[in-house]
Amino acid sequence: MTARAPKRGFASRPGDADSWVKAPDVTAARDPDAQSYTARLTLDVTPELRGRIKVTAFRRGVTVADMLRAMLLREFPEDGGGAA
């Protein structure tokens, strides 16, 4: 049998960044049809900014998640991990 990854408590912080980034994606293991967007990112924004983001996404005819993914891909292109 394969060993299970140690469980962390809800919202607990990992011991080090490398083990956290390289940790297996449990969503993909549970649902083989899951899309590649399985990691969650929590951001603290003001209610006013959240409203502006939602209105902008609506006007563009996209979801907030799709709009933010596109923005993050523009700002953080895949360049092999090199520093800017």
PDB file of N, CA and C in Angstrom:
ATOM      1  N   MET A   1       0.825  -1.179   0.000  1.00  0.00           N
ATOM      2  CA  MET A   1       0.000   0.000   0.000  1.00  0.00           C
ATOM      3  C   MET A   1       0.870   1.244   0.000  1.00  0.00           C
ATOM      4  N   THR A   2       0.271   2.320  -0.433  1.00  0.00           N
ATOM      5  CA  THR A   2       1.027   3.575  -0.417  1.00  0.00           C
ATOM      6  C   THR A   2       0.755   4.309   0.882  1.00  0.00           C
ATOM      7  N   ALA A   3       1.740   5.016   1.318  1.00  0.00           N
ATOM      8  CA  ALA A   3       1.609   5.769   2.574  1.00  0.00           C
ATOM      9  C   ALA A   3       0.806   7.033   2.320  1.00  0.00           C
ATOM     10  N   ARG A   4      -0.001   7.419   3.274  1.00  0.00           N
ATOM     11  CA  ARG A   4      -0.766   8.652   3.168  1.00  0.00           C
ATOM     12  C   ARG A   4       0.092   9.834   3.596  1.00  0.00           C
ATOM     13  N   ALA A   5      -0.196  10.964   2.966  1.00  0.00           N
ATOM     14  CA  ALA A   5       0.495  12.193   3.366  1.00  0.00           C
ATOM     15  C   ALA A   5       0.003  12.592   4.749  1.00  0.00           C
ATOM     16  N   PRO A   6       0.869  13.122   5.576  1.00  0.00           N
ATOM     17  CA  PRO A   6       0.422  13.542   6.916  1.00  0.00           C
ATOM     18  C   PRO A   6      -0.625  14.642   6.790  1.00  0.00           C
ATOM     19  N   LYS A   7      -1.683  14.543   7.579  1.00  0.00           N
ATOM     20  CA  LYS A   7      -2.757  15.533   7.533  1.00  0.00           C
ATOM     21  C   LYS A   7      -2.400  16.731   8.388  1.00  0.00           C
ATOM     22  N   ARG A   8      -2.637  17.900   7.819  1.00  0.00           N
ATOM     23  CA  ARG A   8      -2.484  19.125   8.586  1.00  0.00           C
ATOM     24  C   ARG A   8      -3.873  19.573   8.993  1.00  0.00           C
ATOM     25  N   GLY A   9      -3.958  20.301  10.054  1.00  0.00           N
ATOM     26  CA  GLY A   9      -5.232  20.837  10.494  1.00  0.00           C
ATOM     27  C   GLY A   9      -5.720  21.920   9.555  1.00  0.00           C
ATOM     28  N   PHE A  10      -6.990  22.263   9.682  1.00  0.00           N
ATOM     29  CA  PHE A  10      -7.574  23.299   8.838  1.00  0.00           C
ATOM     30  C   PHE A  10      -6.788  24.594   8.992  1.00  0.00           C
ATOM     31  N   ALA A  11      -6.380  25.151   7.871  1.00  0.00           N
ATOM     32  CA  ALA A  11      -5.673  26.425   7.800  1.00  0.00           C
ATOM     33  C   ALA A  11      -4.335  26.425   8.546  1.00  0.00           C
ATOM     34  N   SER A  12      -3.759  25.246   8.733  1.00  0.00           N
ATOM     35  CA  SER A  12      -2.442  25.216   9.369  1.00  0.00           C
ATOM     36  C   SER A  12      -1.380  25.549   8.330  1.00  0.00           C
ATOM     37  N   ARG A  13      -0.300  26.089   8.776  1.00  0.00           N
ATOM     38  CA  ARG A  13       0.770  26.476   7.863  1.00  0.00           C
ATOM     39  C   ARG A  13       1.770  25.331   7.733  1.00  0.00           C
ATOM     40  N   PRO A  14       2.296  25.141   6.526  1.00  0.00           N
ATOM     41  CA  PRO A  14       3.285  24.077   6.329  1.00  0.00           C
ATOM     42  C   PRO A  14       4.596  24.433   7.018  1.00  0.00           C
ATOM     43  N   GLY A  15       5.385  23.414   7.297  1.00  0.00           N
ATOM     44  CA  GLY A  15       6.671  23.626   7.942  1.00  0.00           C
ATOM     45  C   GLY A  15       7.647  24.382   7.061  1.00  0.00           C
ATOM     46  N   ASP A  16       7.680  24.034   5.774  1.00  0.00           N
ATOM     47  CA  ASP A  16       8.562  24.740   4.850  1.00  0.00           C
ATOM     48  C   ASP A  16       7.885  24.828   3.488  1.00  0.00           C
ATOM     49  N   ALA A  17       8.244  25.832   2.720  1.00  0.00           N
ATOM     50  CA  ALA A  17       7.582  26.113   1.446  1.00  0.00           C
ATOM     51  C   ALA A  17       7.761  24.986   0.431  1.00  0.00           C
ATOM     52  N   ASP A  18       8.955  24.388   0.362  1.00  0.00           N
ATOM     53  CA  ASP A  18       9.198  23.345  -0.633  1.00  0.00           C
ATOM     54  C   ASP A  18       8.267  22.152  -0.466  1.00  0.00           C
ATOM     55  N   SER A  19       8.080  21.693   0.764  1.00  0.00           N
ATOM     56  CA  SER A  19       7.201  20.543   0.960  1.00  0.00           C
ATOM     57  C   SER A  19       5.754  20.897   0.651  1.00  0.00           C
ATOM     58  N   TRP A  20       5.366  22.129   0.900  1.00  0.00           N
ATOM     59  CA  TRP A  20       4.008  22.552   0.616  1.00  0.00           C
ATOM     60  C   TRP A  20       3.750  22.628  -0.886  1.00  0.00           C
ATOM     61  N   VAL A  21       4.693  23.230  -1.625  1.00  0.00           N
ATOM     62  CA  VAL A  21       4.532  23.372  -3.070  1.00  0.00           C
ATOM     63  C   VAL A  21       4.551  22.010  -3.751  1.00  0.00           C
ATOM     64  N   LYS A  22       5.390  21.103  -3.271  1.00  0.00           N
ATOM     65  CA  LYS A  22       5.538  19.792  -3.897  1.00  0.00           C
ATOM     66  C   LYS A  22       4.545  18.762  -3.383  1.00  0.00           C
ATOM     67  N   ALA A  23       3.668  19.154  -2.468  1.00  0.00           N
ATOM     68  CA  ALA A  23       2.695  18.215  -1.905  1.00  0.00           C
ATOM     69  C   ALA A  23       1.743  17.745  -2.991  1.00  0.00           C
ATOM     70  N   PRO A  24       1.326  16.481  -2.939  1.00  0.00           N
ATOM     71  CA  PRO A  24       0.392  15.975  -3.954  1.00  0.00           C
ATOM     72  C   PRO A  24      -0.943  16.697  -3.865  1.00  0.00           C
ATOM     73  N   ASP A  25      -1.586  16.815  -5.007  1.00  0.00           N
ATOM     74  CA  ASP A  25      -2.874  17.496  -5.080  1.00  0.00           C
ATOM     75  C   ASP A  25      -3.976  16.516  -4.708  1.00  0.00           C
ATOM     76  N   VAL A  26      -4.563  16.675  -3.541  1.00  0.00           N
ATOM     77  CA  VAL A  26      -5.569  15.723  -3.081  1.00  0.00           C
ATOM     78  C   VAL A  26      -6.864  15.838  -3.873  1.00  0.00           C
ATOM     79  N   THR A  27      -7.184  16.985  -4.448  1.00  0.00           N
ATOM     80  CA  THR A  27      -8.408  17.129  -5.238  1.00  0.00           C
ATOM     81  C   THR A  27      -8.335  16.251  -6.477  1.00  0.00           C
ATOM     82  N   ALA A  28      -7.197  16.242  -7.157  1.00  0.00           N
ATOM     83  CA  ALA A  28      -7.048  15.424  -8.354  1.00  0.00           C
ATOM     84  C   ALA A  28      -7.128  13.942  -8.016  1.00  0.00           C
ATOM     85  N   ALA A  29      -6.638  13.557  -6.851  1.00  0.00           N
ATOM     86  CA  ALA A  29      -6.699  12.158  -6.451  1.00  0.00           C
ATOM     87  C   ALA A  29      -8.138  11.732  -6.173  1.00  0.00           C
ATOM     88  N   ARG A  30      -8.943  12.625  -5.605  1.00  0.00           N
ATOM     89  CA  ARG A  30     -10.351  12.317  -5.313  1.00  0.00           C
ATOM     90  C   ARG A  30     -11.198  12.301  -6.563  1.00  0.00           C
ATOM     91  N   ASP A  31     -10.956  13.229  -7.482  1.00  0.00           N
ATOM     92  CA  ASP A  31     -11.790  13.386  -8.668  1.00  0.00           C
ATOM     93  C   ASP A  31     -10.903  13.412  -9.907  1.00  0.00           C
ATOM     94  N   PRO A  32     -10.800  12.274 -10.611  1.00  0.00           N
ATOM     95  CA  PRO A  32      -9.914  12.240 -11.779  1.00  0.00           C
ATOM     96  C   PRO A  32     -10.350  13.184 -12.888  1.00  0.00           C
ATOM     97  N   ASP A  33     -11.610  13.623 -12.875  1.00  0.00           N
ATOM     98  CA  ASP A  33     -12.087  14.552 -13.895  1.00  0.00           C
ATOM     99  C   ASP A  33     -11.893  16.003 -13.501  1.00  0.00           C
ATOM    100  N   ALA A  34     -11.253  16.255 -12.363  1.00  0.00           N
ATOM    101  CA  ALA A  34     -11.054  17.628 -11.897  1.00  0.00           C
ATOM    102  C   ALA A  34     -10.182  18.385 -12.888  1.00  0.00           C
ATOM    103  N   GLN A  35     -10.512  19.654 -13.061  1.00  0.00           N
ATOM    104  CA  GLN A  35      -9.708  20.492 -13.949  1.00  0.00           C
ATOM    105  C   GLN A  35      -8.352  20.748 -13.316  1.00  0.00           C
ATOM    106  N   SER A  36      -7.459  21.324 -14.089  1.00  0.00           N
ATOM    107  CA  SER A  36      -6.118  21.589 -13.581  1.00  0.00           C
ATOM    108  C   SER A  36      -6.102  22.700 -12.544  1.00  0.00           C
ATOM    109  N   TYR A  37      -7.164  23.473 -12.404  1.00  0.00           N
ATOM    110  CA  TYR A  37      -7.208  24.561 -11.437  1.00  0.00           C
ATOM    111  C   TYR A  37      -7.740  24.024 -10.115  1.00  0.00           C
ATOM    112  N   THR A  38      -6.857  23.420  -9.334  1.00  0.00           N
ATOM    113  CA  THR A  38      -7.315  22.799  -8.106  1.00  0.00           C
ATOM    114  C   THR A  38      -6.797  23.489  -6.856  1.00  0.00           C
ATOM    115  N   ALA A  39      -5.792  24.325  -6.980  1.00  0.00           N
ATOM    116  CA  ALA A  39      -5.264  25.006  -5.799  1.00  0.00           C
ATOM    117  C   ALA A  39      -6.097  26.244  -5.505  1.00  0.00           C
ATOM    118  N   ARG A  40      -6.284  26.530  -4.234  1.00  0.00           N
ATOM    119  CA  ARG A  40      -7.032  27.722  -3.843  1.00  0.00           C
ATOM    120  C   ARG A  40      -6.064  28.756  -3.303  1.00  0.00           C
ATOM    121  N   LEU A  41      -6.397  29.991  -3.563  1.00  0.00           N
ATOM    122  CA  LEU A  41      -5.587  31.112  -3.103  1.00  0.00           C
ATOM    123  C   LEU A  41      -6.514  32.083  -2.392  1.00  0.00           C
ATOM    124  N   THR A  42      -6.194  32.403  -1.180  1.00  0.00           N
ATOM    125  CA  THR A  42      -7.026  33.319  -0.408  1.00  0.00           C
ATOM    126  C   THR A  42      -6.373  34.691  -0.370  1.00  0.00           C
ATOM    127  N   LEU A  43      -7.141  35.708  -0.728  1.00  0.00           N
ATOM    128  CA  LEU A  43      -6.654  37.083  -0.731  1.00  0.00           C
ATOM    129  C   LEU A  43      -7.556  37.928   0.145  1.00  0.00           C
ATOM    130  N   ASP A  44      -6.973  38.847   0.864  1.00  0.00           N
ATOM    131  CA  ASP A  44      -7.754  39.796   1.648  1.00  0.00           C
ATOM    132  C   ASP A  44      -7.918  41.064   0.822  1.00  0.00           C
ATOM    133  N   VAL A  45      -9.158  41.370   0.450  1.00  0.00           N
ATOM    134  CA  VAL A  45      -9.457  42.593  -0.285  1.00  0.00           C
ATOM    135  C   VAL A  45     -10.602  43.306   0.419  1.00  0.00           C
ATOM    136  N   THR A  46     -10.671  44.589   0.210  1.00  0.00           N
ATOM    137  CA  THR A  46     -11.756  45.362   0.817  1.00  0.00           C
ATOM    138  C   THR A  46     -13.068  45.003   0.118  1.00  0.00           C
ATOM    139  N   PRO A  47     -14.176  45.200   0.785  1.00  0.00           N
ATOM    140  CA  PRO A  47     -15.472  44.956   0.126  1.00  0.00           C
ATOM    141  C   PRO A  47     -15.653  45.804  -1.136  1.00  0.00           C
ATOM    142  N   GLU A  48     -15.128  47.012  -1.135  1.00  0.00           N
ATOM    143  CA  GLU A  48     -15.238  47.875  -2.311  1.00  0.00           C
ATOM    144  C   GLU A  48     -14.475  47.292  -3.498  1.00  0.00           C
ATOM    145  N   LEU A  49     -13.249  46.813  -3.247  1.00  0.00           N
ATOM    146  CA  LEU A  49     -12.455  46.215  -4.324  1.00  0.00           C
ATOM    147  C   LEU A  49     -13.111  44.929  -4.819  1.00  0.00           C
ATOM    148  N   ARG A  50     -13.625  44.136  -3.909  1.00  0.00           N
ATOM    149  CA  ARG A  50     -14.313  42.902  -4.295  1.00  0.00           C
ATOM    150  C   ARG A  50     -15.486  43.224  -5.214  1.00  0.00           C
ATOM    151  N   GLY A  51     -16.225  44.265  -4.888  1.00  0.00           N
ATOM    152  CA  GLY A  51     -17.333  44.677  -5.736  1.00  0.00           C
ATOM    153  C   GLY A  51     -16.879  45.116  -7.113  1.00  0.00           C
ATOM    154  N   ARG A  52     -15.800  45.895  -7.170  1.00  0.00           N
ATOM    155  CA  ARG A  52     -15.270  46.345  -8.468  1.00  0.00           C
ATOM    156  C   ARG A  52     -14.805  45.167  -9.307  1.00  0.00           C
ATOM    157  N   ILE A  53     -14.176  44.190  -8.670  1.00  0.00           N
ATOM    158  CA  ILE A  53     -13.708  42.996  -9.391  1.00  0.00           C
ATOM    159  C   ILE A  53     -14.908  42.247  -9.983  1.00  0.00           C
ATOM    160  N   LYS A  54     -15.950  42.056  -9.186  1.00  0.00           N
ATOM    161  CA  LYS A  54     -17.129  41.325  -9.652  1.00  0.00           C
ATOM    162  C   LYS A  54     -17.837  42.057 -10.787  1.00  0.00           C
ATOM    163  N   VAL A  55     -17.959  43.381 -10.678  1.00  0.00           N
ATOM    164  CA  VAL A  55     -18.612  44.165 -11.727  1.00  0.00           C
ATOM    165  C   VAL A  55     -17.797  44.109 -13.013  1.00  0.00           C
ATOM    166  N   THR A  56     -16.476  44.229 -12.893  1.00  0.00           N
ATOM    167  CA  THR A  56     -15.613  44.177 -14.080  1.00  0.00           C
ATOM    168  C   THR A  56     -15.725  42.818 -14.764  1.00  0.00           C
ATOM    169  N   ALA A  57     -15.704  41.740 -13.994  1.00  0.00           N
ATOM    170  CA  ALA A  57     -15.837  40.407 -14.581  1.00  0.00           C
ATOM    171  C   ALA A  57     -17.181  40.258 -15.286  1.00  0.00           C
ATOM    172  N   PHE A  58     -18.252  40.749 -14.658  1.00  0.00           N
ATOM    173  CA  PHE A  58     -19.582  40.676 -15.255  1.00  0.00           C
ATOM    174  C   PHE A  58     -19.625  41.436 -16.580  1.00  0.00           C
ATOM    175  N   ARG A  59     -19.061  42.635 -16.598  1.00  0.00           N
ATOM    176  CA  ARG A  59     -19.056  43.442 -17.824  1.00  0.00           C
ATOM    177  C   ARG A  59     -18.261  42.777 -18.936  1.00  0.00           C
ATOM    178  N   ARG A  60     -17.224  42.039 -18.565  1.00  0.00           N
ATOM    179  CA  ARG A  60     -16.409  41.337 -19.566  1.00  0.00           C
ATOM    180  C   ARG A  60     -17.018  40.007 -19.976  1.00  0.00           C
ATOM    181  N   GLY A  61     -18.040  39.576 -19.263  1.00  0.00           N
ATOM    182  CA  GLY A  61     -18.702  38.321 -19.601  1.00  0.00           C
ATOM    183  C   GLY A  61     -17.919  37.088 -19.201  1.00  0.00           C
ATOM    184  N   VAL A  62     -17.127  37.211 -18.151  1.00  0.00           N
ATOM    185  CA  VAL A  62     -16.343  36.079 -17.657  1.00  0.00           C
ATOM    186  C   VAL A  62     -16.592  35.920 -16.160  1.00  0.00           C
ATOM    187  N   THR A  63     -16.154  34.800 -15.626  1.00  0.00           N
ATOM    188  CA  THR A  63     -16.253  34.621 -14.185  1.00  0.00           C
ATOM    189  C   THR A  63     -15.087  35.340 -13.517  1.00  0.00           C
ATOM    190  N   VAL A  64     -15.243  35.642 -12.249  1.00  0.00           N
ATOM    191  CA  VAL A  64     -14.165  36.280 -11.497  1.00  0.00           C
ATOM    192  C   VAL A  64     -12.939  35.366 -11.507  1.00  0.00           C
ATOM    193  N   ALA A  65     -13.145  34.078 -11.306  1.00  0.00           N
ATOM    194  CA  ALA A  65     -12.018  33.134 -11.269  1.00  0.00           C
ATOM    195  C   ALA A  65     -11.253  33.143 -12.588  1.00  0.00           C
ATOM    196  N   ASP A  66     -11.974  33.101 -13.723  1.00  0.00           N
ATOM    197  CA  ASP A  66     -11.299  33.111 -15.025  1.00  0.00           C
ATOM    198  C   ASP A  66     -10.549  34.417 -15.255  1.00  0.00           C
ATOM    199  N   MET A  67     -11.159  35.527 -14.861  1.00  0.00           N
ATOM    200  CA  MET A  67     -10.513  36.820 -15.039  1.00  0.00           C
ATOM    201  C   MET A  67      -9.236  36.910 -14.199  1.00  0.00           C
ATOM    202  N   LEU A  68      -9.301  36.453 -12.945  1.00  0.00           N
ATOM    203  CA  LEU A  68      -8.120  36.502 -12.079  1.00  0.00           C
ATOM    204  C   LEU A  68      -7.042  35.536 -12.547  1.00  0.00           C
ATOM    205  N   ARG A  69      -7.431  34.356 -13.050  1.00  0.00           N
ATOM    206  CA  ARG A  69      -6.431  33.420 -13.602  1.00  0.00           C
ATOM    207  C   ARG A  69      -5.681  34.063 -14.755  1.00  0.00           C
ATOM    208  N   ALA A  70      -6.421  34.722 -15.663  1.00  0.00           N
ATOM    209  CA  ALA A  70      -5.784  35.374 -16.806  1.00  0.00           C
ATOM    210  C   ALA A  70      -4.827  36.467 -16.346  1.00  0.00           C
ATOM    211  N   MET A  71      -5.243  37.255 -15.348  1.00  0.00           N
ATOM    212  CA  MET A  71      -4.389  38.316 -14.830  1.00  0.00           C
ATOM    213  C   MET A  71      -3.117  37.731 -14.209  1.00  0.00           C
ATOM    214  N   LEU A  72      -3.270  36.659 -13.429  1.00  0.00           N
ATOM    215  CA  LEU A  72      -2.099  36.047 -12.799  1.00  0.00           C
ATOM    216  C   LEU A  72      -1.157  35.440 -13.833  1.00  0.00           C
ATOM    217  N   LEU A  73      -1.706  34.845 -14.887  1.00  0.00           N
ATOM    218  CA  LEU A  73      -0.858  34.304 -15.953  1.00  0.00           C
ATOM    219  C   LEU A  73      -0.102  35.409 -16.677  1.00  0.00           C
ATOM    220  N   ARG A  74      -0.746  36.556 -16.875  1.00  0.00           N
ATOM    221  CA  ARG A  74      -0.059  37.699 -17.499  1.00  0.00           C
ATOM    222  C   ARG A  74       1.062  38.211 -16.609  1.00  0.00           C
ATOM    223  N   GLU A  75       0.776  38.346 -15.318  1.00  0.00           N
ATOM    224  CA  GLU A  75       1.743  38.919 -14.397  1.00  0.00           C
ATOM    225  C   GLU A  75       2.864  37.958 -14.021  1.00  0.00           C
ATOM    226  N   PHE A  76       2.584  36.672 -14.054  1.00  0.00           N
ATOM    227  CA  PHE A  76       3.560  35.660 -13.659  1.00  0.00           C
ATOM    228  C   PHE A  76       3.689  34.607 -14.746  1.00  0.00           C
ATOM    229  N   PRO A  77       4.293  34.983 -15.895  1.00  0.00           N
ATOM    230  CA  PRO A  77       4.410  34.028 -16.997  1.00  0.00           C
ATOM    231  C   PRO A  77       5.347  32.881 -16.622  1.00  0.00           C
ATOM    232  N   GLU A  78       5.096  31.762 -17.265  1.00  0.00           N
ATOM    233  CA  GLU A  78       5.942  30.595 -17.008  1.00  0.00           C
ATOM    234  C   GLU A  78       7.256  30.785 -17.748  1.00  0.00           C
ATOM    235  N   ASP A  79       8.315  31.067 -16.987  1.00  0.00           N
ATOM    236  CA  ASP A  79       9.610  31.336 -17.588  1.00  0.00           C
ATOM    237  C   ASP A  79      10.690  30.405 -17.074  1.00  0.00           C
ATOM    238  N   GLY A  80      10.293  29.277 -16.579  1.00  0.00           N
ATOM    239  CA  GLY A  80      11.263  28.324 -16.061  1.00  0.00           C
ATOM    240  C   GLY A  80      11.671  28.590 -14.627  1.00  0.00           C
ATOM    241  N   GLY A  81      10.971  29.479 -13.948  1.00  0.00           N
ATOM    242  CA  GLY A  81      11.267  29.724 -12.536  1.00  0.00           C
ATOM    243  C   GLY A  81      12.377  30.716 -12.266  1.00  0.00           C
ATOM    244  N   GLY A  82      12.884  31.366 -13.297  1.00  0.00           N
ATOM    245  CA  GLY A  82      13.943  32.343 -13.094  1.00  0.00           C
ATOM    246  C   GLY A  82      13.445  33.617 -12.461  1.00  0.00           C
ATOM    247  N   ALA A  83      14.327  34.305 -11.797  1.00  0.00           N
ATOM    248  CA  ALA A  83      13.961  35.586 -11.176  1.00  0.00           C
ATOM    249  C   ALA A  83      13.942  36.681 -12.220  1.00  0.00           C
ATOM    250  N   ALA A  84      13.081  37.649 -12.039  1.00  0.00           N
ATOM    251  CA  ALA A  84      12.961  38.746 -13.006  1.00  0.00           C
ATOM    252  C   ALA A  84      14.082  39.742 -12.830  1.00  0.00           C
TER     253      ALA A  84
END
